[in-house]
Structure formats: C-alpha cells, structure tokens
Amino acid sequence: MMNQVPLTDADLHAYLDGELPATRRAEIEAYLADHADAAERVNAYREQKLALKALFDPVRSEERRVGKE
C-alpha cells in the first residue's frame, strides 16, 4: 500500500540507486506492479543509467590511473 507521499521521479531514481528505506522501496515495487506506465519509465531510467555508466566508466578509470602516477 502506498503511503500518502506521492510518487515522484526522484523516488524512482532513488529506487534504482538503492537509496530508499525498505518500506518505501516495497511501496514503490507494489506501485510499479500495478502501473505499467511507471514501470516502463523505471526501465527507461535503468537503461539510461547503464548507458551513461558504460560511456563514462572508461573516463573515470583513466582519471584514477592518471591520479596514481
């Protein structure tokens, strides 16, 4: 059951990042199970997050390597 706090995009991003308390995470999972449009948005955010990680991880690795020299 969702609490009285509305679901926001910030909640969805925090959900993907694993930054929510267990109770809020469970509320969002229940909401997503009943709302395909929101679940699709979460999947799009997840794909975007993975694409950005793939794009920038090599840069971050290079920065760490250069910083150790």
C-alpha atoms as a PDB file:
ATOM      1  CA  MET A   1       0.000   0.000   0.000  1.00  0.00           C
ATOM      2  CA  MET A   2       1.384   3.425  -0.939  1.00  0.00           C
ATOM      3  CA  ASN A   3       1.716   5.927   1.855  1.00  0.00           C
ATOM      4  CA  GLN A   4       0.288   9.422   1.443  1.00  0.00           C
ATOM      5  CA  VAL A   5       3.502  10.817  -0.080  1.00  0.00           C
ATOM      6  CA  PRO A   6       3.117  10.970  -3.879  1.00  0.00           C
ATOM      7  CA  LEU A   7       5.490   9.044  -6.095  1.00  0.00           C
ATOM      8  CA  THR A   8       7.992  11.353  -7.824  1.00  0.00           C
ATOM      9  CA  ASP A   9      10.728  10.906 -10.405  1.00  0.00           C
ATOM     10  CA  ALA A  10      13.178  11.471  -7.539  1.00  0.00           C
ATOM     11  CA  ASP A  11      11.655   8.432  -5.804  1.00  0.00           C
ATOM     12  CA  LEU A  12      12.093   6.365  -8.951  1.00  0.00           C
ATOM     13  CA  HIS A  13      15.735   7.373  -9.320  1.00  0.00           C
ATOM     14  CA  ALA A  14      16.398   6.702  -5.634  1.00  0.00           C
ATOM     15  CA  TYR A  15      14.714   3.323  -6.089  1.00  0.00           C
ATOM     16  CA  LEU A  16      17.063   2.477  -8.965  1.00  0.00           C
ATOM     17  CA  ASP A  17      20.066   3.678  -6.987  1.00  0.00           C
ATOM     18  CA  GLY A  18      19.106   1.562  -3.959  1.00  0.00           C
ATOM     19  CA  GLU A  19      18.826   4.637  -1.754  1.00  0.00           C
ATOM     20  CA  LEU A  20      15.361   4.106  -0.289  1.00  0.00           C
ATOM     21  CA  PRO A  21      14.386   2.659   3.067  1.00  0.00           C
ATOM     22  CA  ALA A  22      12.954  -0.850   2.802  1.00  0.00           C
ATOM     23  CA  THR A  23       9.389   0.285   3.474  1.00  0.00           C
ATOM     24  CA  ARG A  24       9.425   2.949   0.729  1.00  0.00           C
ATOM     25  CA  ARG A  25      11.113   0.513  -1.662  1.00  0.00           C
ATOM     26  CA  ALA A  26       8.327  -2.025  -1.042  1.00  0.00           C
ATOM     27  CA  GLU A  27       5.685   0.667  -1.629  1.00  0.00           C
ATOM     28  CA  ILE A  28       7.252   1.619  -4.943  1.00  0.00           C
ATOM     29  CA  GLU A  29       7.579  -2.014  -6.033  1.00  0.00           C
ATOM     30  CA  ALA A  30       3.883  -2.553  -5.301  1.00  0.00           C
ATOM     31  CA  TYR A  31       3.015   0.625  -7.204  1.00  0.00           C
ATOM     32  CA  LEU A  32       5.122  -0.419 -10.197  1.00  0.00           C
ATOM     33  CA  ALA A  33       3.443  -3.826 -10.266  1.00  0.00           C
ATOM     34  CA  ASP A  34       0.092  -2.080 -10.743  1.00  0.00           C
ATOM     35  CA  HIS A  35       1.188   0.786 -13.022  1.00  0.00           C
ATOM     36  CA  ALA A  36       2.799  -0.349 -16.265  1.00  0.00           C
ATOM     37  CA  ASP A  37       3.483   3.213 -17.396  1.00  0.00           C
ATOM     38  CA  ALA A  38       5.567   3.929 -14.294  1.00  0.00           C
ATOM     39  CA  ALA A  39       7.333   0.575 -14.616  1.00  0.00           C
ATOM     40  CA  GLU A  40       8.231   1.444 -18.220  1.00  0.00           C
ATOM     41  CA  ARG A  41       9.621   4.781 -17.032  1.00  0.00           C
ATOM     42  CA  VAL A  42      11.772   2.984 -14.446  1.00  0.00           C
ATOM     43  CA  ASN A  43      13.063   0.637 -17.140  1.00  0.00           C
ATOM     44  CA  ALA A  44      13.926   3.622 -19.344  1.00  0.00           C
ATOM     45  CA  TYR A  45      15.767   5.255 -16.433  1.00  0.00           C
ATOM     46  CA  ARG A  46      17.615   1.978 -15.783  1.00  0.00           C
ATOM     47  CA  GLU A  47      18.687   1.729 -19.435  1.00  0.00           C
ATOM     48  CA  GLN A  48      19.802   5.365 -19.400  1.00  0.00           C
ATOM     49  CA  LYS A  49      21.794   4.803 -16.210  1.00  0.00           C
ATOM     50  CA  LEU A  50      23.538   1.766 -17.717  1.00  0.00           C
ATOM     51  CA  ALA A  51      24.310   3.653 -20.942  1.00  0.00           C
ATOM     52  CA  LEU A  52      25.820   6.571 -19.017  1.00  0.00           C
ATOM     53  CA  LYS A  53      27.848   4.190 -16.866  1.00  0.00           C
ATOM     54  CA  ALA A  54      29.204   2.435 -19.959  1.00  0.00           C
ATOM     55  CA  LEU A  55      30.051   5.785 -21.520  1.00  0.00           C
ATOM     56  CA  PHE A  56      31.782   7.356 -18.532  1.00  0.00           C
ATOM     57  CA  ASP A  57      33.378   4.405 -16.699  1.00  0.00           C
ATOM     58  CA  PRO A  58      36.389   4.375 -19.054  1.00  0.00           C
ATOM     59  CA  VAL A  59      36.910   8.082 -18.354  1.00  0.00           C
ATOM     60  CA  ARG A  60      36.665   7.544 -14.607  1.00  0.00           C
ATOM     61  CA  SER A  61      39.115   4.636 -14.823  1.00  0.00           C
ATOM     62  CA  GLU A  62      41.569   6.805 -16.757  1.00  0.00           C
ATOM     63  CA  GLU A  63      41.259   9.592 -14.190  1.00  0.00           C
ATOM     64  CA  ARG A  64      42.048   7.142 -11.378  1.00  0.00           C
ATOM     65  CA  ARG A  65      45.016   5.729 -13.287  1.00  0.00           C
ATOM     66  CA  VAL A  66      46.448   9.186 -14.073  1.00  0.00           C
ATOM     67  CA  GLY A  67      45.897  10.303 -10.477  1.00  0.00           C
ATOM     68  CA  LYS A  68      48.091   7.447  -9.203  1.00  0.00           C
ATOM     69  CA  GLU A  69      51.077   8.394 -11.357  1.00  0.00           C
END
